[in-house]
Amino acid sequence: MISRQVISDVLAAAMSTGGDFAEIFIEDRFNNSIEMVRGKVERSLSGRDYGIGIRIFNGLNSVYTYTCENSRDHLVEVAKKAAASFNGVSRFAKKDFFVVPS
C-alpha cells in the first residue's frame, strides 16, 4: 500500500505545471490459469500484475504514464516528467484528494 503522504506528494508533482486534474491508479492482481485437454493438464500459468498509473488532465488534453516501482522519489519523478508536457497555470483551484475504497 502506498501512504497517503506519498499519494499527496505525487499528485502535487502531477499538478505542478498547470494540470486541471490528476489521478493515480494502483493495480495489484494475481492471475492463475490451468488449461486441460481430455482431463490432462496441458498448461499452467501463474503471475502477478502490479503497476501504478498516473493520469493528468489539462482541459481536453491528457497524459498517462505508468511504472511498477513504488518508491516515493521514483513516483514523484515520473509525475513531474508527465506534468512537463503541460505548461502554464491550472485553471481550477486545487482540491483535497480522497482515497476510493477498494
N, C-alpha and C. Protein backbone atom coordinates (compact mmCIF):
# COMPACT_ATOMS: atom_id res chain seq x y z
N MET A 1 0.84 -1.18 0.00
CA MET A 1 0.00 0.00 0.00
C MET A 1 0.88 1.24 0.00
N ILE A 2 0.47 2.24 -0.70
CA ILE A 2 1.20 3.50 -0.76
C ILE A 2 0.57 4.46 0.23
N SER A 3 1.40 5.14 1.00
CA SER A 3 0.90 6.02 2.06
C SER A 3 0.17 7.23 1.49
N ARG A 4 -0.69 7.78 2.30
CA ARG A 4 -1.45 8.98 1.94
C ARG A 4 -0.50 10.14 1.62
N GLN A 5 0.61 10.25 2.36
CA GLN A 5 1.57 11.32 2.12
C GLN A 5 2.24 11.18 0.75
N VAL A 6 2.60 9.95 0.39
CA VAL A 6 3.21 9.72 -0.93
C VAL A 6 2.21 10.06 -2.03
N ILE A 7 0.97 9.65 -1.87
CA ILE A 7 -0.06 9.98 -2.86
C ILE A 7 -0.20 11.49 -3.00
N SER A 8 -0.22 12.20 -1.87
CA SER A 8 -0.32 13.65 -1.89
C SER A 8 0.87 14.28 -2.62
N ASP A 9 2.08 13.79 -2.34
CA ASP A 9 3.28 14.31 -3.00
C ASP A 9 3.24 14.06 -4.51
N VAL A 10 2.81 12.89 -4.91
CA VAL A 10 2.75 12.54 -6.33
C VAL A 10 1.70 13.40 -7.04
N LEU A 11 0.54 13.58 -6.43
CA LEU A 11 -0.50 14.42 -7.04
C LEU A 11 -0.04 15.87 -7.15
N ALA A 12 0.67 16.36 -6.14
CA ALA A 12 1.20 17.73 -6.19
C ALA A 12 2.19 17.88 -7.35
N ALA A 13 3.06 16.88 -7.53
CA ALA A 13 4.02 16.91 -8.64
C ALA A 13 3.29 16.85 -9.97
N ALA A 14 2.24 16.05 -10.05
CA ALA A 14 1.48 15.90 -11.29
C ALA A 14 0.78 17.21 -11.68
N MET A 15 0.37 17.98 -10.68
CA MET A 15 -0.36 19.22 -10.94
C MET A 15 0.57 20.44 -11.02
N SER A 16 1.85 20.25 -10.89
CA SER A 16 2.80 21.35 -10.73
C SER A 16 2.95 22.26 -11.95
N THR A 17 2.57 21.82 -13.13
CA THR A 17 2.77 22.65 -14.31
C THR A 17 1.47 23.06 -14.99
N GLY A 18 0.37 22.98 -14.28
CA GLY A 18 -0.86 23.51 -14.85
C GLY A 18 -1.94 22.51 -15.16
N GLY A 19 -1.80 21.28 -14.73
CA GLY A 19 -2.88 20.32 -14.93
C GLY A 19 -4.12 20.73 -14.16
N ASP A 20 -5.28 20.36 -14.68
CA ASP A 20 -6.55 20.66 -14.02
C ASP A 20 -6.98 19.55 -13.07
N PHE A 21 -6.54 18.33 -13.35
CA PHE A 21 -6.96 17.18 -12.55
C PHE A 21 -5.91 16.10 -12.72
N ALA A 22 -5.63 15.37 -11.64
CA ALA A 22 -4.70 14.24 -11.72
C ALA A 22 -5.26 13.10 -10.90
N GLU A 23 -4.94 11.88 -11.32
CA GLU A 23 -5.37 10.70 -10.58
C GLU A 23 -4.29 9.64 -10.62
N ILE A 24 -4.33 8.77 -9.62
CA ILE A 24 -3.39 7.66 -9.51
C ILE A 24 -4.20 6.38 -9.49
N PHE A 25 -3.74 5.41 -10.28
CA PHE A 25 -4.38 4.10 -10.32
C PHE A 25 -3.34 3.06 -9.91
N ILE A 26 -3.68 2.24 -8.94
CA ILE A 26 -2.77 1.19 -8.47
C ILE A 26 -3.43 -0.16 -8.70
N GLU A 27 -2.72 -1.06 -9.38
CA GLU A 27 -3.24 -2.40 -9.62
C GLU A 27 -2.27 -3.42 -9.03
N ASP A 28 -2.82 -4.36 -8.28
CA ASP A 28 -2.04 -5.46 -7.72
C ASP A 28 -2.93 -6.69 -7.78
N ARG A 29 -2.68 -7.54 -8.79
CA ARG A 29 -3.58 -8.66 -9.04
C ARG A 29 -2.77 -9.92 -9.33
N PHE A 30 -3.22 -11.02 -8.77
CA PHE A 30 -2.61 -12.32 -9.04
C PHE A 30 -3.48 -13.07 -10.04
N ASN A 31 -2.86 -13.71 -11.02
CA ASN A 31 -3.57 -14.46 -12.06
C ASN A 31 -3.11 -15.91 -12.05
N ASN A 32 -4.05 -16.81 -12.13
CA ASN A 32 -3.74 -18.24 -12.22
C ASN A 32 -4.67 -18.86 -13.26
N SER A 33 -4.12 -19.75 -14.08
CA SER A 33 -4.97 -20.47 -15.03
C SER A 33 -4.38 -21.85 -15.30
N ILE A 34 -5.27 -22.79 -15.52
CA ILE A 34 -4.88 -24.15 -15.87
C ILE A 34 -5.67 -24.54 -17.10
N GLU A 35 -4.96 -25.02 -18.12
CA GLU A 35 -5.60 -25.45 -19.36
C GLU A 35 -5.55 -26.97 -19.41
N MET A 36 -6.73 -27.58 -19.55
CA MET A 36 -6.81 -29.04 -19.61
C MET A 36 -7.43 -29.47 -20.93
N VAL A 37 -6.91 -30.55 -21.47
CA VAL A 37 -7.45 -31.17 -22.68
C VAL A 37 -7.63 -32.65 -22.39
N ARG A 38 -8.89 -33.12 -22.49
CA ARG A 38 -9.23 -34.53 -22.22
C ARG A 38 -8.73 -34.99 -20.85
N GLY A 39 -8.90 -34.13 -19.86
CA GLY A 39 -8.54 -34.50 -18.49
C GLY A 39 -7.06 -34.40 -18.17
N LYS A 40 -6.25 -33.94 -19.12
CA LYS A 40 -4.81 -33.83 -18.90
C LYS A 40 -4.41 -32.35 -18.88
N VAL A 41 -3.62 -31.97 -17.88
CA VAL A 41 -3.15 -30.59 -17.78
C VAL A 41 -2.16 -30.33 -18.92
N GLU A 42 -2.50 -29.38 -19.78
CA GLU A 42 -1.64 -29.02 -20.90
C GLU A 42 -0.76 -27.82 -20.58
N ARG A 43 -1.30 -26.92 -19.79
CA ARG A 43 -0.57 -25.69 -19.49
C ARG A 43 -1.04 -25.12 -18.17
N SER A 44 -0.12 -24.61 -17.40
CA SER A 44 -0.43 -23.96 -16.13
C SER A 44 0.33 -22.64 -16.08
N LEU A 45 -0.37 -21.57 -15.79
CA LEU A 45 0.25 -20.25 -15.72
C LEU A 45 -0.11 -19.57 -14.41
N SER A 46 0.85 -18.85 -13.88
CA SER A 46 0.62 -18.07 -12.67
C SER A 46 1.42 -16.78 -12.80
N GLY A 47 0.85 -15.68 -12.36
CA GLY A 47 1.56 -14.42 -12.48
C GLY A 47 0.94 -13.34 -11.62
N ARG A 48 1.63 -12.22 -11.59
CA ARG A 48 1.17 -11.08 -10.82
C ARG A 48 1.25 -9.84 -11.71
N ASP A 49 0.16 -9.09 -11.77
CA ASP A 49 0.13 -7.80 -12.46
C ASP A 49 0.22 -6.72 -11.40
N TYR A 50 1.26 -5.91 -11.46
CA TYR A 50 1.42 -4.83 -10.49
C TYR A 50 1.89 -3.58 -11.23
N GLY A 51 1.26 -2.48 -10.94
CA GLY A 51 1.69 -1.23 -11.55
C GLY A 51 0.95 -0.04 -10.99
N ILE A 52 1.52 1.11 -11.25
CA ILE A 52 0.95 2.37 -10.78
C ILE A 52 0.85 3.30 -11.98
N GLY A 53 -0.35 3.78 -12.26
CA GLY A 53 -0.57 4.70 -13.36
C GLY A 53 -0.88 6.09 -12.84
N ILE A 54 -0.40 7.09 -13.55
CA ILE A 54 -0.68 8.49 -13.20
C ILE A 54 -1.24 9.15 -14.45
N ARG A 55 -2.43 9.74 -14.31
CA ARG A 55 -3.07 10.42 -15.45
C ARG A 55 -3.30 11.87 -15.05
N ILE A 56 -2.96 12.77 -15.98
CA ILE A 56 -3.12 14.21 -15.74
C ILE A 56 -3.96 14.78 -16.88
N PHE A 57 -4.95 15.59 -16.51
CA PHE A 57 -5.79 16.27 -17.50
C PHE A 57 -5.52 17.76 -17.45
N ASN A 58 -5.53 18.38 -18.62
CA ASN A 58 -5.45 19.83 -18.74
C ASN A 58 -6.40 20.21 -19.87
N GLY A 59 -7.56 20.74 -19.49
CA GLY A 59 -8.58 21.00 -20.50
C GLY A 59 -9.00 19.69 -21.14
N LEU A 60 -8.95 19.63 -22.47
CA LEU A 60 -9.31 18.41 -23.19
C LEU A 60 -8.11 17.52 -23.47
N ASN A 61 -6.95 17.92 -23.01
CA ASN A 61 -5.73 17.14 -23.21
C ASN A 61 -5.43 16.30 -21.97
N SER A 62 -4.79 15.16 -22.20
CA SER A 62 -4.41 14.33 -21.06
C SER A 62 -3.10 13.62 -21.37
N VAL A 63 -2.42 13.22 -20.32
CA VAL A 63 -1.20 12.42 -20.44
C VAL A 63 -1.31 11.30 -19.41
N TYR A 64 -0.82 10.12 -19.78
CA TYR A 64 -0.86 8.96 -18.89
C TYR A 64 0.52 8.33 -18.87
N THR A 65 0.98 7.97 -17.69
CA THR A 65 2.25 7.28 -17.55
C THR A 65 2.09 6.19 -16.49
N TYR A 66 2.95 5.19 -16.54
CA TYR A 66 2.86 4.12 -15.56
C TYR A 66 4.24 3.59 -15.23
N THR A 67 4.32 2.93 -14.09
CA THR A 67 5.56 2.33 -13.62
C THR A 67 5.21 1.17 -12.70
N CYS A 68 6.16 0.32 -12.45
CA CYS A 68 5.94 -0.75 -11.48
C CYS A 68 6.82 -0.55 -10.24
N GLU A 69 7.54 0.57 -10.19
CA GLU A 69 8.33 0.89 -9.00
C GLU A 69 7.52 1.84 -8.13
N ASN A 70 7.41 1.54 -6.83
CA ASN A 70 6.53 2.34 -5.98
C ASN A 70 7.24 3.19 -4.94
N SER A 71 8.52 3.48 -5.12
CA SER A 71 9.20 4.36 -4.16
C SER A 71 8.70 5.79 -4.36
N ARG A 72 8.67 6.57 -3.30
CA ARG A 72 8.18 7.94 -3.35
C ARG A 72 8.96 8.76 -4.37
N ASP A 73 10.29 8.70 -4.30
CA ASP A 73 11.11 9.52 -5.20
C ASP A 73 10.87 9.18 -6.66
N HIS A 74 10.75 7.91 -6.97
CA HIS A 74 10.51 7.50 -8.35
C HIS A 74 9.14 7.97 -8.83
N LEU A 75 8.12 7.80 -8.00
CA LEU A 75 6.77 8.21 -8.40
C LEU A 75 6.69 9.72 -8.62
N VAL A 76 7.33 10.49 -7.75
CA VAL A 76 7.34 11.95 -7.91
C VAL A 76 8.06 12.32 -9.21
N GLU A 77 9.17 11.66 -9.50
CA GLU A 77 9.91 11.93 -10.74
C GLU A 77 9.06 11.61 -11.97
N VAL A 78 8.38 10.48 -11.95
CA VAL A 78 7.51 10.10 -13.07
C VAL A 78 6.39 11.12 -13.24
N ALA A 79 5.79 11.55 -12.14
CA ALA A 79 4.71 12.54 -12.20
C ALA A 79 5.21 13.88 -12.75
N LYS A 80 6.40 14.30 -12.34
CA LYS A 80 6.96 15.56 -12.84
C LYS A 80 7.25 15.48 -14.34
N LYS A 81 7.76 14.34 -14.79
CA LYS A 81 8.03 14.18 -16.22
C LYS A 81 6.73 14.21 -17.03
N ALA A 82 5.69 13.59 -16.50
CA ALA A 82 4.40 13.63 -17.19
C ALA A 82 3.84 15.05 -17.19
N ALA A 83 3.98 15.74 -16.06
CA ALA A 83 3.46 17.10 -15.95
C ALA A 83 4.21 18.07 -16.86
N ALA A 84 5.44 17.74 -17.21
CA ALA A 84 6.23 18.62 -18.07
C ALA A 84 5.61 18.76 -19.46
N SER A 85 4.69 17.90 -19.81
CA SER A 85 4.03 18.02 -21.12
C SER A 85 3.02 19.16 -21.15
N PHE A 86 2.70 19.70 -19.98
CA PHE A 86 1.81 20.86 -19.88
C PHE A 86 2.62 22.05 -19.37
N ASN A 87 2.33 23.23 -19.89
CA ASN A 87 2.96 24.45 -19.39
C ASN A 87 1.87 25.41 -18.97
N GLY A 88 2.16 26.26 -18.02
CA GLY A 88 1.18 27.25 -17.62
C GLY A 88 0.64 26.99 -16.24
N VAL A 89 -0.50 27.58 -15.99
CA VAL A 89 -1.13 27.53 -14.67
C VAL A 89 -2.48 26.85 -14.78
N SER A 90 -2.81 26.07 -13.79
CA SER A 90 -4.10 25.40 -13.75
C SER A 90 -5.23 26.41 -13.75
N ARG A 91 -6.30 26.10 -14.45
CA ARG A 91 -7.46 26.99 -14.48
C ARG A 91 -8.42 26.74 -13.34
N PHE A 92 -8.18 25.71 -12.53
CA PHE A 92 -9.08 25.36 -11.45
C PHE A 92 -8.34 25.34 -10.13
N ALA A 93 -9.06 25.56 -9.05
CA ALA A 93 -8.45 25.53 -7.72
C ALA A 93 -8.13 24.10 -7.31
N LYS A 94 -7.05 23.94 -6.59
CA LYS A 94 -6.66 22.62 -6.09
C LYS A 94 -7.63 22.19 -5.00
N LYS A 95 -8.09 20.97 -5.07
CA LYS A 95 -9.00 20.41 -4.07
C LYS A 95 -8.30 19.29 -3.31
N ASP A 96 -8.78 19.00 -2.11
CA ASP A 96 -8.25 17.87 -1.36
C ASP A 96 -8.58 16.59 -2.09
N PHE A 97 -7.69 15.62 -2.01
CA PHE A 97 -7.94 14.33 -2.65
C PHE A 97 -8.57 13.38 -1.65
N PHE A 98 -9.16 12.31 -2.17
CA PHE A 98 -9.72 11.27 -1.32
C PHE A 98 -9.37 9.92 -1.92
N VAL A 99 -9.29 8.92 -1.06
CA VAL A 99 -8.96 7.57 -1.48
C VAL A 99 -10.25 6.80 -1.66
N VAL A 100 -10.44 6.22 -2.83
CA VAL A 100 -11.63 5.42 -3.12
C VAL A 100 -11.43 4.04 -2.51
N PRO A 101 -12.35 3.59 -1.66
CA PRO A 101 -12.18 2.26 -1.05
C PRO A 101 -12.25 1.16 -2.10
N SER A 102 -11.45 0.12 -1.87
CA SER A 102 -11.44 -0.98 -2.85
C SER A 102 -12.50 -2.00 -2.52
